[in-house]
Amino acid sequence: MKTLVVAATEAEIAPTLAHFKLINTEFIETKKFDVLITGVGMVATAFALGQKLNNKYQLVLNVGIAGSFNRDIELGELVNITQDTFAELGAEDHDSLITLPQLGFGENVFFSSSTTELTLRKAKGITVNKVHGNAGSIEKTIALYHPQTESMEGAAVLYACNLLNIPVLQVRSISNYVEPRNRESWKIGLAVKNLNDWLINFLKNYEL
């Protein structure tokens, strides 16, 4: 049994691939861990996991960059996403959203499930198809979910692992604050560096 590392894009984990001298493909197998590059978004992530996820994995580790609603979290800081929500699933009722559970169609909140302890700040995330860049929609989302971070894949990974009863962790490195779109303030390079410094160390030291 081994670890499956799941990332949306090669760029987010390129330093880790280089460190372990791995050739970039959509699915990489090594003796201790495998790497799955899913593509961006929850649909691509769900499809990729459907092809490769099974009970031979002792741990699934979803990694990537994310935006933060919380300015107390520094750009470049890593967080352990212990709860993630499909934020857009539901129905519009004029200016309000009726969530999937309120409609009676199932759950939209999923949790990390590994007993592995991480020395990272714990955070609550949302998963979206469209990252926020409008003050009005940001305000509504904060009022509804009180999230600390957002990504485009996280809840899909937790969902799949929860259904298969496979331990899962989600670690995100903060590249930007969630605000009206302002690329000049983003710190993607710093977020990627810090994420991969952590990931390389984790993969070297995590014992199955």
C-alpha atoms as a PDB file:
ATOM      1  CA  MET A   1       0.000   0.000   0.000  1.00  0.00           C
ATOM      2  CA  LYS A   2       1.205   3.517  -0.741  1.00  0.00           C
ATOM      3  CA  THR A   3       0.299   7.174  -1.076  1.00  0.00           C
ATOM      4  CA  LEU A   4      -1.464   8.797  -4.030  1.00  0.00           C
ATOM      5  CA  VAL A   5      -0.557  12.446  -4.545  1.00  0.00           C
ATOM      6  CA  VAL A   6      -3.302  14.289  -6.436  1.00  0.00           C
ATOM      7  CA  ALA A   7      -2.734  17.691  -8.058  1.00  0.00           C
ATOM      8  CA  ALA A   8      -4.664  19.609 -10.687  1.00  0.00           C
ATOM      9  CA  THR A   9      -1.650  20.768 -12.685  1.00  0.00           C
ATOM     10  CA  GLU A  10       1.955  19.768 -13.204  1.00  0.00           C
ATOM     11  CA  ALA A  11       3.053  23.351 -12.521  1.00  0.00           C
ATOM     12  CA  GLU A  12       1.878  23.152  -8.913  1.00  0.00           C
ATOM     13  CA  ILE A  13       4.163  20.200  -8.122  1.00  0.00           C
ATOM     14  CA  ALA A  14       6.909  20.577 -10.744  1.00  0.00           C
ATOM     15  CA  PRO A  15       9.688  21.043  -8.136  1.00  0.00           C
ATOM     16  CA  THR A  16       8.647  17.797  -6.442  1.00  0.00           C
ATOM     17  CA  LEU A  17       8.677  15.909  -9.727  1.00  0.00           C
ATOM     18  CA  ALA A  18      12.114  17.331 -10.480  1.00  0.00           C
ATOM     19  CA  HIS A  19      13.438  16.456  -7.014  1.00  0.00           C
ATOM     20  CA  PHE A  20      12.442  12.803  -7.366  1.00  0.00           C
ATOM     21  CA  LYS A  21      13.528  12.764 -11.033  1.00  0.00           C
ATOM     22  CA  LEU A  22      10.067  11.865 -12.271  1.00  0.00           C
ATOM     23  CA  ILE A  23       9.027  12.302 -15.885  1.00  0.00           C
ATOM     24  CA  ASN A  24       5.834  14.342 -16.099  1.00  0.00           C
ATOM     25  CA  THR A  25       2.857  12.326 -17.263  1.00  0.00           C
ATOM     26  CA  GLU A  26      -0.752  12.312 -16.118  1.00  0.00           C
ATOM     27  CA  PHE A  27      -0.075   9.280 -13.894  1.00  0.00           C
ATOM     28  CA  ILE A  28       3.315   8.475 -12.375  1.00  0.00           C
ATOM     29  CA  GLU A  29       4.085   5.346 -10.371  1.00  0.00           C
ATOM     30  CA  THR A  30       6.969   4.939  -7.925  1.00  0.00           C
ATOM     31  CA  LYS A  31       7.744   2.366  -5.251  1.00  0.00           C
ATOM     32  CA  LYS A  32       6.517   4.527  -2.366  1.00  0.00           C
ATOM     33  CA  PHE A  33       3.955   6.873  -3.937  1.00  0.00           C
ATOM     34  CA  ASP A  34       2.058   7.577  -7.141  1.00  0.00           C
ATOM     35  CA  VAL A  35       1.204  10.967  -8.635  1.00  0.00           C
ATOM     36  CA  LEU A  36      -2.042  11.794 -10.442  1.00  0.00           C
ATOM     37  CA  ILE A  37      -2.357  15.022 -12.442  1.00  0.00           C
ATOM     38  CA  THR A  38      -6.091  15.478 -12.907  1.00  0.00           C
ATOM     39  CA  GLY A  39      -6.564  18.704 -14.808  1.00  0.00           C
ATOM     40  CA  VAL A  40      -8.304  21.787 -13.451  1.00  0.00           C
ATOM     41  CA  GLY A  41     -11.754  21.643 -11.909  1.00  0.00           C
ATOM     42  CA  MET A  42     -13.949  19.206 -10.030  1.00  0.00           C
ATOM     43  CA  VAL A  43     -15.202  17.370 -13.133  1.00  0.00           C
ATOM     44  CA  ALA A  44     -11.694  16.619 -14.424  1.00  0.00           C
ATOM     45  CA  THR A  45     -10.644  15.640 -10.926  1.00  0.00           C
ATOM     46  CA  ALA A  46     -13.576  13.279 -10.456  1.00  0.00           C
ATOM     47  CA  PHE A  47     -12.948  11.625 -13.824  1.00  0.00           C
ATOM     48  CA  ALA A  48      -9.231  11.132 -13.165  1.00  0.00           C
ATOM     49  CA  LEU A  49      -9.890   9.689  -9.716  1.00  0.00           C
ATOM     50  CA  GLY A  50     -12.471   7.364 -11.229  1.00  0.00           C
ATOM     51  CA  GLN A  51      -9.729   5.937 -13.450  1.00  0.00           C
ATOM     52  CA  LYS A  52      -7.034   5.470 -10.792  1.00  0.00           C
ATOM     53  CA  LEU A  53      -8.370   5.584  -7.238  1.00  0.00           C
ATOM     54  CA  ASN A  54      -8.665   2.256  -5.413  1.00  0.00           C
ATOM     55  CA  ASN A  55      -8.034   0.668  -2.052  1.00  0.00           C
ATOM     56  CA  LYS A  56      -4.372  -0.104  -2.690  1.00  0.00           C
ATOM     57  CA  TYR A  57      -3.689   3.427  -1.415  1.00  0.00           C
ATOM     58  CA  GLN A  58      -3.219   3.934   2.313  1.00  0.00           C
ATOM     59  CA  LEU A  59      -3.428   7.706   1.902  1.00  0.00           C
ATOM     60  CA  VAL A  60      -4.580  10.184  -0.736  1.00  0.00           C
ATOM     61  CA  LEU A  61      -2.895  13.583  -0.494  1.00  0.00           C
ATOM     62  CA  ASN A  62      -4.483  16.390  -2.500  1.00  0.00           C
ATOM     63  CA  VAL A  63      -2.127  19.356  -2.923  1.00  0.00           C
ATOM     64  CA  GLY A  64      -2.205  22.649  -4.786  1.00  0.00           C
ATOM     65  CA  ILE A  65      -2.509  26.395  -4.483  1.00  0.00           C
ATOM     66  CA  ALA A  66      -5.636  28.174  -3.259  1.00  0.00           C
ATOM     67  CA  GLY A  67      -7.137  31.568  -2.559  1.00  0.00           C
ATOM     68  CA  SER A  68      -7.842  32.720   0.985  1.00  0.00           C
ATOM     69  CA  PHE A  69     -10.834  34.667   2.275  1.00  0.00           C
ATOM     70  CA  ASN A  70      -8.964  35.103   5.577  1.00  0.00           C
ATOM     71  CA  ARG A  71      -6.305  37.831   5.627  1.00  0.00           C
ATOM     72  CA  ASP A  72      -4.892  36.389   8.831  1.00  0.00           C
ATOM     73  CA  ILE A  73      -3.485  33.620   6.639  1.00  0.00           C
ATOM     74  CA  GLU A  74      -0.302  34.880   4.973  1.00  0.00           C
ATOM     75  CA  LEU A  75       0.365  34.519   1.274  1.00  0.00           C
ATOM     76  CA  GLY A  76       2.582  31.488   0.851  1.00  0.00           C
ATOM     77  CA  GLU A  77       1.289  29.847   4.042  1.00  0.00           C
ATOM     78  CA  LEU A  78       0.240  26.205   3.933  1.00  0.00           C
ATOM     79  CA  VAL A  79      -3.068  25.103   5.417  1.00  0.00           C
ATOM     80  CA  ASN A  80      -4.636  21.734   6.167  1.00  0.00           C
ATOM     81  CA  ILE A  81      -8.147  21.754   4.671  1.00  0.00           C
ATOM     82  CA  THR A  82     -10.152  19.539   7.008  1.00  0.00           C
ATOM     83  CA  GLN A  83     -13.587  20.440   5.622  1.00  0.00           C
ATOM     84  CA  ASP A  84     -14.538  21.318   2.046  1.00  0.00           C
ATOM     85  CA  THR A  85     -17.870  22.230   0.483  1.00  0.00           C
ATOM     86  CA  PHE A  86     -19.268  22.144  -3.039  1.00  0.00           C
ATOM     87  CA  ALA A  87     -20.327  25.773  -2.815  1.00  0.00           C
ATOM     88  CA  GLU A  88     -22.407  26.103  -5.982  1.00  0.00           C
ATOM     89  CA  LEU A  89     -24.497  22.929  -5.901  1.00  0.00           C
ATOM     90  CA  GLY A  90     -28.121  23.843  -5.391  1.00  0.00           C
ATOM     91  CA  ALA A  91     -30.762  26.148  -6.824  1.00  0.00           C
ATOM     92  CA  GLU A  92     -31.146  29.899  -7.044  1.00  0.00           C
ATOM     93  CA  ASP A  93     -34.146  31.388  -5.271  1.00  0.00           C
ATOM     94  CA  HIS A  94     -34.065  34.978  -6.499  1.00  0.00           C
ATOM     95  CA  ASP A  95     -31.007  36.392  -4.673  1.00  0.00           C
ATOM     96  CA  SER A  96     -30.558  33.376  -2.392  1.00  0.00           C
ATOM     97  CA  LEU A  97     -29.025  29.921  -2.851  1.00  0.00           C
ATOM     98  CA  ILE A  98     -30.850  26.786  -1.744  1.00  0.00           C
ATOM     99  CA  THR A  99     -28.049  24.334  -1.038  1.00  0.00           C
ATOM    100  CA  LEU A 100     -28.057  20.688  -2.081  1.00  0.00           C
ATOM    101  CA  PRO A 101     -28.884  19.409   1.443  1.00  0.00           C
ATOM    102  CA  GLN A 102     -31.700  21.948   1.747  1.00  0.00           C
ATOM    103  CA  LEU A 103     -33.137  20.601  -1.504  1.00  0.00           C
ATOM    104  CA  GLY A 104     -32.975  17.079  -0.091  1.00  0.00           C
ATOM    105  CA  PHE A 105     -30.538  15.795  -2.726  1.00  0.00           C
ATOM    106  CA  GLY A 106     -27.628  14.745  -0.517  1.00  0.00           C
ATOM    107  CA  GLU A 107     -24.616  16.288   1.161  1.00  0.00           C
ATOM    108  CA  ASN A 108     -22.302  18.998  -0.121  1.00  0.00           C
ATOM    109  CA  VAL A 109     -19.763  19.037   2.743  1.00  0.00           C
ATOM    110  CA  PHE A 110     -16.921  16.519   3.015  1.00  0.00           C
ATOM    111  CA  PHE A 111     -14.047  16.029   5.433  1.00  0.00           C
ATOM    112  CA  SER A 112     -10.448  14.891   5.539  1.00  0.00           C
ATOM    113  CA  SER A 113     -10.231  11.496   7.184  1.00  0.00           C
ATOM    114  CA  SER A 114      -6.584  10.642   7.835  1.00  0.00           C
ATOM    115  CA  THR A 115      -5.193  10.140  11.331  1.00  0.00           C
ATOM    116  CA  THR A 116      -1.900  11.618  10.150  1.00  0.00           C
ATOM    117  CA  GLU A 117      -1.153  14.731  12.194  1.00  0.00           C
ATOM    118  CA  LEU A 118       0.081  17.771  10.280  1.00  0.00           C
ATOM    119  CA  THR A 119       1.698  20.791  11.914  1.00  0.00           C
ATOM    120  CA  LEU A 120      -0.281  23.138   9.689  1.00  0.00           C
ATOM    121  CA  ARG A 121      -3.125  25.547  10.398  1.00  0.00           C
ATOM    122  CA  LYS A 122      -6.474  23.839   9.887  1.00  0.00           C
ATOM    123  CA  ALA A 123      -8.897  25.571   7.546  1.00  0.00           C
ATOM    124  CA  LYS A 124     -12.366  25.237   6.049  1.00  0.00           C
ATOM    125  CA  GLY A 125     -12.538  25.427   2.273  1.00  0.00           C
ATOM    126  CA  ILE A 126     -15.045  25.662  -0.545  1.00  0.00           C
ATOM    127  CA  THR A 127     -14.746  24.186  -4.019  1.00  0.00           C
ATOM    128  CA  VAL A 128     -16.037  26.227  -6.949  1.00  0.00           C
ATOM    129  CA  ASN A 129     -16.264  26.095 -10.718  1.00  0.00           C
ATOM    130  CA  LYS A 130     -15.620  29.838 -10.941  1.00  0.00           C
ATOM    131  CA  VAL A 131     -13.148  31.415  -8.530  1.00  0.00           C
ATOM    132  CA  HIS A 132     -14.457  34.577  -6.940  1.00  0.00           C
ATOM    133  CA  GLY A 133     -13.496  38.002  -8.254  1.00  0.00           C
ATOM    134  CA  ASN A 134     -16.589  40.082  -7.569  1.00  0.00           C
ATOM    135  CA  ALA A 135     -17.168  41.932  -4.303  1.00  0.00           C
ATOM    136  CA  GLY A 136     -20.882  41.135  -4.202  1.00  0.00           C
ATOM    137  CA  SER A 137     -20.534  37.405  -4.757  1.00  0.00           C
ATOM    138  CA  ILE A 138     -17.644  37.253  -2.289  1.00  0.00           C
ATOM    139  CA  GLU A 139     -19.796  38.871   0.380  1.00  0.00           C
ATOM    140  CA  LYS A 140     -22.669  36.428  -0.256  1.00  0.00           C
ATOM    141  CA  THR A 141     -20.335  33.425  -0.164  1.00  0.00           C
ATOM    142  CA  ILE A 142     -18.765  34.501   3.118  1.00  0.00           C
ATOM    143  CA  ALA A 143     -22.202  34.999   4.666  1.00  0.00           C
ATOM    144  CA  LEU A 144     -23.387  31.568   3.500  1.00  0.00           C
ATOM    145  CA  TYR A 145     -20.359  29.352   4.168  1.00  0.00           C
ATOM    146  CA  HIS A 146     -17.841  31.319   6.265  1.00  0.00           C
ATOM    147  CA  PRO A 147     -14.975  29.754   4.280  1.00  0.00           C
ATOM    148  CA  GLN A 148     -11.287  30.413   4.758  1.00  0.00           C
ATOM    149  CA  THR A 149     -10.083  29.137   1.371  1.00  0.00           C
ATOM    150  CA  GLU A 150     -11.324  28.232  -2.083  1.00  0.00           C
ATOM    151  CA  SER A 151     -10.059  25.837  -4.729  1.00  0.00           C
ATOM    152  CA  MET A 152     -11.510  24.207  -7.824  1.00  0.00           C
ATOM    153  CA  GLU A 153     -10.875  20.566  -6.902  1.00  0.00           C
ATOM    154  CA  GLY A 154     -10.620  19.904  -3.170  1.00  0.00           C
ATOM    155  CA  ALA A 155     -14.143  18.754  -2.307  1.00  0.00           C
ATOM    156  CA  ALA A 156     -14.138  16.335  -5.252  1.00  0.00           C
ATOM    157  CA  VAL A 157     -11.105  14.540  -3.818  1.00  0.00           C
ATOM    158  CA  LEU A 158     -12.583  14.378  -0.321  1.00  0.00           C
ATOM    159  CA  TYR A 159     -15.894  13.170  -1.751  1.00  0.00           C
ATOM    160  CA  ALA A 160     -14.318  10.286  -3.678  1.00  0.00           C
ATOM    161  CA  CYS A 161     -12.129   9.190  -0.788  1.00  0.00           C
ATOM    162  CA  ASN A 162     -14.965   9.418   1.736  1.00  0.00           C
ATOM    163  CA  LEU A 163     -17.136   7.159  -0.444  1.00  0.00           C
ATOM    164  CA  LEU A 164     -14.341   4.572  -0.765  1.00  0.00           C
ATOM    165  CA  ASN A 165     -13.302   4.915   2.888  1.00  0.00           C
ATOM    166  CA  ILE A 166      -9.725   5.837   1.919  1.00  0.00           C
ATOM    167  CA  PRO A 167      -7.837   8.184   4.293  1.00  0.00           C
ATOM    168  CA  VAL A 168      -7.396  11.600   2.677  1.00  0.00           C
ATOM    169  CA  LEU A 169      -5.648  14.881   3.394  1.00  0.00           C
ATOM    170  CA  GLN A 170      -5.822  18.190   1.525  1.00  0.00           C
ATOM    171  CA  VAL A 171      -2.948  20.658   1.822  1.00  0.00           C
ATOM    172  CA  ARG A 172      -3.131  24.023   0.083  1.00  0.00           C
ATOM    173  CA  SER A 173      -0.627  26.840  -0.245  1.00  0.00           C
ATOM    174  CA  ILE A 174      -2.160  30.306  -0.355  1.00  0.00           C
ATOM    175  CA  SER A 175      -1.323  32.174  -3.554  1.00  0.00           C
ATOM    176  CA  ASN A 176      -3.788  35.064  -3.314  1.00  0.00           C
ATOM    177  CA  TYR A 177      -6.563  36.627  -1.304  1.00  0.00           C
ATOM    178  CA  VAL A 178     -10.129  36.272  -2.538  1.00  0.00           C
ATOM    179  CA  GLU A 179     -11.009  39.782  -3.671  1.00  0.00           C
ATOM    180  CA  PRO A 180     -11.951  41.617  -6.874  1.00  0.00           C
ATOM    181  CA  ARG A 181      -9.450  40.199  -9.336  1.00  0.00           C
ATOM    182  CA  ASN A 182      -5.986  41.683  -8.754  1.00  0.00           C
ATOM    183  CA  ARG A 183      -3.260  39.575 -10.337  1.00  0.00           C
ATOM    184  CA  GLU A 184      -0.537  42.039  -9.352  1.00  0.00           C
ATOM    185  CA  SER A 185      -0.943  41.030  -5.705  1.00  0.00           C
ATOM    186  CA  TRP A 186      -0.745  37.264  -6.285  1.00  0.00           C
ATOM    187  CA  LYS A 187       2.229  35.270  -4.960  1.00  0.00           C
ATOM    188  CA  ILE A 188       1.985  32.106  -7.022  1.00  0.00           C
ATOM    189  CA  GLY A 189       5.747  31.515  -7.134  1.00  0.00           C
ATOM    190  CA  LEU A 190       6.047  31.736  -3.358  1.00  0.00           C
ATOM    191  CA  ALA A 191       3.027  29.485  -2.852  1.00  0.00           C
ATOM    192  CA  VAL A 192       4.401  26.832  -5.210  1.00  0.00           C
ATOM    193  CA  LYS A 193       7.851  26.935  -3.603  1.00  0.00           C
ATOM    194  CA  ASN A 194       6.502  26.554  -0.076  1.00  0.00           C
ATOM    195  CA  LEU A 195       4.097  23.810  -1.124  1.00  0.00           C
ATOM    196  CA  ASN A 196       6.833  21.766  -2.752  1.00  0.00           C
ATOM    197  CA  ASP A 197       9.323  22.260   0.069  1.00  0.00           C
ATOM    198  CA  TRP A 198       6.695  20.767   2.369  1.00  0.00           C
ATOM    199  CA  LEU A 199       5.632  18.029  -0.054  1.00  0.00           C
ATOM    200  CA  ILE A 200       9.173  16.801  -0.702  1.00  0.00           C
ATOM    201  CA  ASN A 201       9.805  16.564   3.021  1.00  0.00           C
ATOM    202  CA  PHE A 202       6.477  14.798   3.602  1.00  0.00           C
ATOM    203  CA  LEU A 203       7.094  12.197   0.897  1.00  0.00           C
ATOM    204  CA  LYS A 204      10.603  11.533   2.200  1.00  0.00           C
ATOM    205  CA  ASN A 205       9.487  11.027   5.785  1.00  0.00           C
ATOM    206  CA  TYR A 206       5.927   9.688   5.706  1.00  0.00           C
ATOM    207  CA  GLU A 207       5.908   6.057   6.807  1.00  0.00           C
ATOM    208  CA  LEU A 208       3.296   3.687   5.514  1.00  0.00           C
END
